[in-house]
Amino acid sequence: MEIAMDNAGSDTASGDSAWPFLYKLVQILGLNGMSSDESCTEGRKCVVKIRGWRSAELTPYLDIIDQDRNSLNAFGNHLQGNLPRERIRNEGARPSVRRAIAGLPLNFYDATWYASLTPAEKRRLKPLPVITLPKITRH
C-alpha cells in the first residue's frame, strides 16, 4: 500500500492515472485481500500463496506494485534495511486458507469460484457493482 500511495502522489501531477488507480485497488482489497508469502528461500525469493477467490485479472496490477519498490534514495544509494524479497506467483503454489472478503466489486472475485457459491453464500458476500479495470502498460 505504501508503494502505491507514494507513487499515486507523485504521478497525479503528471496526469498519469495508473498509480492513483493502483492505490485505490489496494485500498479496496485491504490487507486481507493481499497474498501472503508461503515460503522464502535464502535467495530472498518468496512463493506467493494463491487466493482462489480473487480474480486473476487483478494479478498484473499487483505485480506492478510489487515490482516498483524503490530501493534507492535520492542520491542513488541503497536504502537502509533488508533488501526487498522477490515475490514469485506460480500456478503450483498452495492456496491460501483465508476466506474471501465480502463487499468487493464483483469482478474482483474469480468468476468460476463465484459461480460455485450457493445463493445464500452470494448474498453474504454482498458484492458491489463491477468497476472498470484500466489497461496499464509498463514503460
N, C-alpha and C. Protein backbone atom coordinates (compact mmCIF):
# COMPACT_ATOMS: atom_id res chain seq x y z
N MET A 1 0.83 -1.18 0.00
CA MET A 1 0.00 0.00 0.00
C MET A 1 0.88 1.25 0.00
N GLU A 2 1.99 1.19 0.73
CA GLU A 2 2.88 2.34 0.80
C GLU A 2 3.48 2.66 -0.57
N ILE A 3 3.84 1.63 -1.32
CA ILE A 3 4.41 1.84 -2.66
C ILE A 3 3.39 2.54 -3.55
N ALA A 4 2.16 2.04 -3.55
CA ALA A 4 1.11 2.62 -4.39
C ALA A 4 0.78 4.05 -3.96
N MET A 5 0.74 4.27 -2.64
CA MET A 5 0.42 5.61 -2.14
C MET A 5 1.51 6.61 -2.53
N ASP A 6 2.78 6.24 -2.35
CA ASP A 6 3.88 7.14 -2.71
C ASP A 6 3.85 7.48 -4.20
N ASN A 7 3.64 6.48 -5.04
CA ASN A 7 3.60 6.70 -6.48
C ASN A 7 2.35 7.45 -6.92
N ALA A 8 1.23 7.22 -6.26
CA ALA A 8 -0.01 7.92 -6.62
C ALA A 8 0.16 9.41 -6.42
N GLY A 9 0.83 9.80 -5.36
CA GLY A 9 1.05 11.22 -5.09
C GLY A 9 1.97 11.86 -6.10
N SER A 10 2.99 11.13 -6.55
CA SER A 10 3.95 11.72 -7.49
C SER A 10 3.43 11.72 -8.91
N ASP A 11 2.58 10.78 -9.28
CA ASP A 11 2.11 10.69 -10.67
C ASP A 11 0.88 11.54 -10.95
N THR A 12 0.17 11.96 -9.90
CA THR A 12 -1.04 12.74 -10.12
C THR A 12 -0.74 14.03 -10.86
N ALA A 13 0.35 14.67 -10.53
CA ALA A 13 0.69 15.94 -11.18
C ALA A 13 1.00 15.76 -12.65
N SER A 14 1.54 14.61 -13.03
CA SER A 14 1.90 14.39 -14.43
C SER A 14 0.71 13.93 -15.27
N GLY A 15 -0.43 13.71 -14.64
CA GLY A 15 -1.61 13.29 -15.38
C GLY A 15 -1.70 11.79 -15.57
N ASP A 16 -0.77 11.01 -15.03
CA ASP A 16 -0.79 9.56 -15.15
C ASP A 16 -1.77 9.00 -14.13
N SER A 17 -2.81 8.34 -14.61
CA SER A 17 -3.84 7.85 -13.69
C SER A 17 -3.58 6.41 -13.24
N ALA A 18 -2.49 5.80 -13.66
CA ALA A 18 -2.22 4.40 -13.29
C ALA A 18 -2.02 4.26 -11.79
N TRP A 19 -1.15 5.07 -11.19
CA TRP A 19 -0.85 4.90 -9.76
C TRP A 19 -2.03 5.28 -8.87
N PRO A 20 -2.77 6.33 -9.15
CA PRO A 20 -3.96 6.55 -8.32
C PRO A 20 -4.93 5.36 -8.38
N PHE A 21 -5.07 4.74 -9.57
CA PHE A 21 -5.92 3.55 -9.67
C PHE A 21 -5.35 2.41 -8.84
N LEU A 22 -4.04 2.17 -8.95
CA LEU A 22 -3.41 1.07 -8.20
C LEU A 22 -3.55 1.29 -6.70
N TYR A 23 -3.44 2.53 -6.27
CA TYR A 23 -3.64 2.83 -4.85
C TYR A 23 -5.08 2.52 -4.44
N LYS A 24 -6.02 2.92 -5.28
CA LYS A 24 -7.44 2.64 -5.00
C LYS A 24 -7.66 1.12 -4.93
N LEU A 25 -7.03 0.38 -5.83
CA LEU A 25 -7.15 -1.07 -5.86
C LEU A 25 -6.71 -1.70 -4.54
N VAL A 26 -5.54 -1.31 -4.05
CA VAL A 26 -5.06 -1.90 -2.80
C VAL A 26 -5.88 -1.42 -1.60
N GLN A 27 -6.44 -0.23 -1.68
CA GLN A 27 -7.33 0.23 -0.62
C GLN A 27 -8.58 -0.63 -0.57
N ILE A 28 -9.15 -0.92 -1.74
CA ILE A 28 -10.36 -1.74 -1.81
C ILE A 28 -10.08 -3.15 -1.30
N LEU A 29 -8.97 -3.75 -1.75
CA LEU A 29 -8.64 -5.11 -1.32
C LEU A 29 -8.29 -5.17 0.16
N GLY A 30 -7.61 -4.16 0.64
CA GLY A 30 -7.20 -4.15 2.04
C GLY A 30 -6.17 -5.23 2.33
N LEU A 31 -5.72 -5.28 3.55
CA LEU A 31 -4.69 -6.24 3.94
C LEU A 31 -5.13 -7.68 3.74
N ASN A 32 -6.38 -7.99 4.02
CA ASN A 32 -6.87 -9.36 3.87
C ASN A 32 -7.01 -9.81 2.43
N GLY A 33 -6.99 -8.86 1.50
CA GLY A 33 -7.09 -9.21 0.09
C GLY A 33 -5.74 -9.42 -0.58
N MET A 34 -4.67 -9.11 0.15
CA MET A 34 -3.33 -9.29 -0.39
C MET A 34 -2.89 -10.74 -0.21
N SER A 35 -2.00 -11.18 -1.07
CA SER A 35 -1.44 -12.52 -0.98
C SER A 35 -0.40 -12.56 0.13
N SER A 36 -0.29 -13.72 0.75
CA SER A 36 0.75 -13.88 1.76
C SER A 36 1.85 -14.76 1.17
N ASP A 37 3.02 -14.69 1.77
CA ASP A 37 4.15 -15.47 1.30
C ASP A 37 4.14 -16.83 1.96
N GLU A 38 4.28 -17.87 1.12
CA GLU A 38 4.26 -19.25 1.62
C GLU A 38 5.60 -19.63 2.19
N SER A 39 6.63 -19.40 1.44
CA SER A 39 7.97 -19.77 1.91
C SER A 39 8.99 -18.87 1.24
N CYS A 40 10.07 -18.61 1.94
CA CYS A 40 11.13 -17.79 1.40
C CYS A 40 12.42 -18.58 1.45
N THR A 41 13.20 -18.48 0.38
CA THR A 41 14.49 -19.15 0.33
C THR A 41 15.57 -18.18 0.76
N GLU A 42 16.76 -18.66 0.92
CA GLU A 42 17.87 -17.80 1.30
C GLU A 42 18.17 -16.77 0.21
N GLY A 43 17.76 -17.05 -1.02
CA GLY A 43 17.97 -16.12 -2.12
C GLY A 43 16.97 -15.00 -2.16
N ARG A 44 16.20 -14.82 -1.11
CA ARG A 44 15.22 -13.74 -0.97
C ARG A 44 14.04 -13.88 -1.92
N LYS A 45 13.77 -15.10 -2.40
CA LYS A 45 12.62 -15.33 -3.25
C LYS A 45 11.51 -15.97 -2.42
N CYS A 46 10.30 -15.46 -2.58
CA CYS A 46 9.16 -15.97 -1.82
C CYS A 46 8.07 -16.42 -2.78
N VAL A 47 7.52 -17.60 -2.53
CA VAL A 47 6.40 -18.10 -3.31
C VAL A 47 5.13 -17.54 -2.68
N VAL A 48 4.27 -16.98 -3.51
CA VAL A 48 3.05 -16.35 -3.05
C VAL A 48 1.91 -17.37 -3.05
N LYS A 49 1.18 -17.43 -1.94
CA LYS A 49 0.01 -18.31 -1.87
C LYS A 49 -1.09 -17.79 -2.80
N ILE A 50 -1.85 -18.70 -3.35
CA ILE A 50 -2.92 -18.36 -4.28
C ILE A 50 -4.20 -18.03 -3.51
N ARG A 51 -4.82 -16.95 -3.87
CA ARG A 51 -6.14 -16.60 -3.34
C ARG A 51 -7.15 -17.12 -4.36
N GLY A 52 -7.74 -18.27 -4.09
CA GLY A 52 -8.65 -18.91 -5.04
C GLY A 52 -9.88 -18.09 -5.35
N TRP A 53 -10.28 -17.25 -4.45
CA TRP A 53 -11.48 -16.45 -4.63
C TRP A 53 -11.20 -15.15 -5.40
N ARG A 54 -9.94 -14.73 -5.48
CA ARG A 54 -9.61 -13.45 -6.10
C ARG A 54 -9.40 -13.62 -7.60
N SER A 55 -9.94 -12.70 -8.37
CA SER A 55 -9.84 -12.74 -9.83
C SER A 55 -8.39 -12.64 -10.28
N ALA A 56 -8.02 -13.48 -11.24
CA ALA A 56 -6.68 -13.43 -11.83
C ALA A 56 -6.46 -12.12 -12.59
N GLU A 57 -7.53 -11.42 -12.94
CA GLU A 57 -7.39 -10.13 -13.63
C GLU A 57 -6.67 -9.09 -12.77
N LEU A 58 -6.68 -9.28 -11.46
CA LEU A 58 -6.04 -8.32 -10.56
C LEU A 58 -4.53 -8.55 -10.43
N THR A 59 -4.07 -9.75 -10.74
CA THR A 59 -2.67 -10.11 -10.53
C THR A 59 -1.69 -9.19 -11.27
N PRO A 60 -1.91 -8.85 -12.54
CA PRO A 60 -0.94 -7.96 -13.20
C PRO A 60 -0.83 -6.60 -12.51
N TYR A 61 -1.91 -6.09 -11.96
CA TYR A 61 -1.88 -4.81 -11.26
C TYR A 61 -1.05 -4.92 -9.98
N LEU A 62 -1.24 -6.02 -9.26
CA LEU A 62 -0.48 -6.23 -8.02
C LEU A 62 0.99 -6.48 -8.32
N ASP A 63 1.27 -7.13 -9.45
CA ASP A 63 2.67 -7.34 -9.86
C ASP A 63 3.37 -6.01 -10.12
N ILE A 64 2.67 -5.06 -10.73
CA ILE A 64 3.25 -3.74 -11.00
C ILE A 64 3.68 -3.10 -9.68
N ILE A 65 2.83 -3.20 -8.69
CA ILE A 65 3.15 -2.61 -7.39
C ILE A 65 4.34 -3.33 -6.76
N ASP A 66 4.32 -4.67 -6.77
CA ASP A 66 5.43 -5.45 -6.20
C ASP A 66 6.75 -5.10 -6.86
N GLN A 67 6.75 -4.92 -8.17
CA GLN A 67 7.99 -4.70 -8.92
C GLN A 67 8.50 -3.27 -8.83
N ASP A 68 7.70 -2.37 -8.30
CA ASP A 68 8.09 -0.96 -8.31
C ASP A 68 8.72 -0.50 -7.01
N ARG A 69 9.01 -1.41 -6.10
CA ARG A 69 9.61 -0.98 -4.84
C ARG A 69 10.92 -0.27 -5.12
N ASN A 70 11.00 0.95 -4.70
CA ASN A 70 12.21 1.76 -4.91
C ASN A 70 13.21 1.43 -3.82
N SER A 71 14.36 0.89 -4.20
CA SER A 71 15.37 0.52 -3.20
C SER A 71 16.55 1.51 -3.18
N LEU A 72 16.41 2.63 -3.90
CA LEU A 72 17.48 3.64 -3.92
C LEU A 72 16.96 4.96 -3.35
N ASN A 73 17.84 5.69 -2.69
CA ASN A 73 17.45 7.01 -2.20
C ASN A 73 17.69 8.07 -3.28
N ALA A 74 17.49 9.31 -2.93
CA ALA A 74 17.61 10.40 -3.91
C ALA A 74 19.03 10.54 -4.47
N PHE A 75 20.02 10.00 -3.75
CA PHE A 75 21.41 10.09 -4.19
C PHE A 75 21.87 8.84 -4.94
N GLY A 76 20.97 7.88 -5.16
CA GLY A 76 21.31 6.66 -5.87
C GLY A 76 21.92 5.58 -5.01
N ASN A 77 21.92 5.80 -3.70
CA ASN A 77 22.45 4.80 -2.77
C ASN A 77 21.33 3.88 -2.31
N HIS A 78 21.68 2.64 -1.95
CA HIS A 78 20.67 1.70 -1.45
C HIS A 78 20.10 2.20 -0.12
N LEU A 79 18.79 2.01 0.04
CA LEU A 79 18.15 2.37 1.29
C LEU A 79 18.63 1.45 2.40
N GLN A 80 18.57 1.93 3.62
CA GLN A 80 18.95 1.10 4.75
C GLN A 80 17.92 0.01 4.96
N GLY A 81 18.34 -1.04 5.62
CA GLY A 81 17.42 -2.13 5.93
C GLY A 81 17.62 -3.31 5.01
N ASN A 82 16.74 -4.29 5.17
CA ASN A 82 16.82 -5.51 4.37
C ASN A 82 16.47 -5.23 2.91
N LEU A 83 17.09 -5.97 2.03
CA LEU A 83 16.75 -5.87 0.61
C LEU A 83 15.34 -6.42 0.40
N PRO A 84 14.62 -5.93 -0.59
CA PRO A 84 13.27 -6.45 -0.83
C PRO A 84 13.32 -7.89 -1.30
N ARG A 85 12.26 -8.63 -0.99
CA ARG A 85 12.15 -10.02 -1.42
C ARG A 85 11.45 -10.07 -2.78
N GLU A 86 11.88 -10.97 -3.61
CA GLU A 86 11.22 -11.18 -4.90
C GLU A 86 10.04 -12.11 -4.66
N ARG A 87 8.86 -11.68 -5.07
CA ARG A 87 7.64 -12.47 -4.87
C ARG A 87 7.33 -13.21 -6.16
N ILE A 88 7.25 -14.53 -6.07
CA ILE A 88 7.01 -15.37 -7.24
C ILE A 88 5.59 -15.91 -7.18
N ARG A 89 4.83 -15.65 -8.22
CA ARG A 89 3.47 -16.19 -8.33
C ARG A 89 3.55 -17.36 -9.29
N ASN A 90 3.29 -18.57 -8.79
CA ASN A 90 3.28 -19.69 -9.71
C ASN A 90 2.03 -20.53 -9.50
N GLU A 91 1.62 -21.16 -10.56
CA GLU A 91 0.35 -21.87 -10.54
C GLU A 91 0.34 -23.07 -9.62
N GLY A 92 1.53 -23.60 -9.28
CA GLY A 92 1.60 -24.75 -8.40
C GLY A 92 1.62 -24.38 -6.92
N ALA A 93 1.53 -23.09 -6.62
CA ALA A 93 1.57 -22.65 -5.23
C ALA A 93 0.33 -23.14 -4.47
N ARG A 94 0.50 -23.27 -3.17
CA ARG A 94 -0.63 -23.70 -2.34
C ARG A 94 -1.67 -22.59 -2.24
N PRO A 95 -2.93 -22.98 -2.14
CA PRO A 95 -3.97 -21.96 -1.95
C PRO A 95 -3.94 -21.45 -0.51
N SER A 96 -4.32 -20.22 -0.35
CA SER A 96 -4.42 -19.62 0.97
C SER A 96 -5.67 -20.15 1.66
N VAL A 97 -5.64 -20.20 2.97
CA VAL A 97 -6.81 -20.66 3.72
C VAL A 97 -7.69 -19.49 4.17
N ARG A 98 -7.24 -18.27 3.89
CA ARG A 98 -8.05 -17.10 4.27
C ARG A 98 -9.34 -17.07 3.47
N ARG A 99 -10.40 -16.70 4.15
CA ARG A 99 -11.70 -16.63 3.50
C ARG A 99 -11.80 -15.38 2.62
N ALA A 100 -12.73 -15.45 1.69
CA ALA A 100 -12.96 -14.31 0.78
C ALA A 100 -13.46 -13.11 1.58
N ILE A 101 -13.16 -11.94 1.07
CA ILE A 101 -13.60 -10.70 1.69
C ILE A 101 -14.95 -10.32 1.10
N ALA A 102 -15.87 -9.98 1.95
CA ALA A 102 -17.19 -9.53 1.50
C ALA A 102 -17.11 -8.07 1.07
N GLY A 103 -18.00 -7.70 0.16
CA GLY A 103 -18.16 -6.30 -0.21
C GLY A 103 -17.18 -5.76 -1.23
N LEU A 104 -16.55 -6.65 -2.01
CA LEU A 104 -15.66 -6.20 -3.07
C LEU A 104 -16.46 -6.07 -4.37
N PRO A 105 -15.95 -5.32 -5.34
CA PRO A 105 -16.61 -5.29 -6.65
C PRO A 105 -16.68 -6.72 -7.22
N LEU A 106 -17.74 -7.03 -7.90
CA LEU A 106 -17.98 -8.38 -8.40
C LEU A 106 -16.83 -8.91 -9.24
N ASN A 107 -16.21 -8.05 -10.06
CA ASN A 107 -15.11 -8.52 -10.91
C ASN A 107 -13.79 -8.71 -10.15
N PHE A 108 -13.76 -8.46 -8.86
CA PHE A 108 -12.59 -8.77 -8.04
C PHE A 108 -12.61 -10.24 -7.61
N TYR A 109 -13.75 -10.90 -7.76
CA TYR A 109 -13.88 -12.32 -7.41
C TYR A 109 -13.67 -13.17 -8.66
N ASP A 110 -13.05 -14.32 -8.49
CA ASP A 110 -12.88 -15.26 -9.58
C ASP A 110 -14.26 -15.73 -10.04
N ALA A 111 -14.53 -15.65 -11.34
CA ALA A 111 -15.87 -15.97 -11.87
C ALA A 111 -16.25 -17.42 -11.60
N THR A 112 -15.32 -18.34 -11.77
CA THR A 112 -15.63 -19.76 -11.54
C THR A 112 -15.90 -20.01 -10.06
N TRP A 113 -15.08 -19.43 -9.21
CA TRP A 113 -15.28 -19.58 -7.76
C TRP A 113 -16.64 -19.00 -7.37
N TYR A 114 -16.96 -17.81 -7.87
CA TYR A 114 -18.22 -17.15 -7.53
C TYR A 114 -19.41 -17.98 -8.01
N ALA A 115 -19.31 -18.54 -9.21
CA ALA A 115 -20.41 -19.34 -9.75
C ALA A 115 -20.66 -20.60 -8.92
N SER A 116 -19.64 -21.08 -8.21
CA SER A 116 -19.79 -22.29 -7.40
C SER A 116 -20.47 -22.03 -6.06
N LEU A 117 -20.67 -20.76 -5.70
CA LEU A 117 -21.30 -20.43 -4.42
C LEU A 117 -22.80 -20.67 -4.46
N THR A 118 -23.35 -20.95 -3.31
CA THR A 118 -24.81 -21.08 -3.20
C THR A 118 -25.42 -19.68 -3.21
N PRO A 119 -26.71 -19.56 -3.48
CA PRO A 119 -27.34 -18.24 -3.43
C PRO A 119 -27.16 -17.55 -2.07
N ALA A 120 -27.22 -18.31 -0.99
CA ALA A 120 -27.04 -17.73 0.34
C ALA A 120 -25.61 -17.21 0.52
N GLU A 121 -24.62 -17.95 0.02
CA GLU A 121 -23.22 -17.51 0.13
C GLU A 121 -23.00 -16.24 -0.69
N LYS A 122 -23.64 -16.16 -1.84
CA LYS A 122 -23.51 -14.96 -2.67
C LYS A 122 -24.13 -13.75 -1.96
N ARG A 123 -25.26 -13.96 -1.29
CA ARG A 123 -25.89 -12.85 -0.55
C ARG A 123 -24.98 -12.38 0.59
N ARG A 124 -24.37 -13.33 1.30
CA ARG A 124 -23.47 -12.97 2.40
C ARG A 124 -22.22 -12.25 1.90
N LEU A 125 -21.81 -12.55 0.69
CA LEU A 125 -20.63 -11.92 0.11
C LEU A 125 -20.89 -10.44 -0.22
N LYS A 126 -22.13 -10.10 -0.49
CA LYS A 126 -22.54 -8.71 -0.78
C LYS A 126 -21.63 -8.02 -1.80
N PRO A 127 -21.49 -8.60 -3.00
CA PRO A 127 -20.60 -7.98 -3.98
C PRO A 127 -21.13 -6.61 -4.43
N LEU A 128 -20.20 -5.72 -4.71
CA LEU A 128 -20.52 -4.40 -5.22
C LEU A 128 -20.53 -4.45 -6.75
N PRO A 129 -21.04 -3.42 -7.40
CA PRO A 129 -21.02 -3.42 -8.87
C PRO A 129 -19.59 -3.51 -9.42
N VAL A 130 -19.50 -4.03 -10.63
CA VAL A 130 -18.23 -4.16 -11.34
C VAL A 130 -17.61 -2.79 -11.52
N ILE A 131 -16.29 -2.71 -11.36
CA ILE A 131 -15.60 -1.46 -11.68
C ILE A 131 -14.69 -1.71 -12.89
N THR A 132 -14.48 -0.68 -13.66
CA THR A 132 -13.64 -0.80 -14.85
C THR A 132 -12.18 -0.90 -14.45
N LEU A 133 -11.50 -1.90 -15.00
CA LEU A 133 -10.07 -2.08 -14.75
C LEU A 133 -9.32 -1.51 -15.96
N PRO A 134 -8.58 -0.44 -15.77
CA PRO A 134 -7.91 0.19 -16.92
C PRO A 134 -6.76 -0.66 -17.45
N LYS A 135 -6.45 -0.46 -18.69
CA LYS A 135 -5.27 -1.12 -19.27
C LYS A 135 -4.06 -0.28 -18.90
N ILE A 136 -3.09 -0.94 -18.28
CA ILE A 136 -1.88 -0.25 -17.85
C ILE A 136 -0.69 -0.93 -18.52
N THR A 137 0.13 -0.12 -19.16
CA THR A 137 1.33 -0.67 -19.79
C THR A 137 2.54 -0.19 -19.01
N ARG A 138 3.49 -1.09 -18.82
CA ARG A 138 4.74 -0.76 -18.12
C ARG A 138 5.71 -0.11 -19.11
N HIS A 139 6.41 0.90 -18.67
CA HIS A 139 7.40 1.57 -19.52
C HIS A 139 8.75 0.96 -19.31
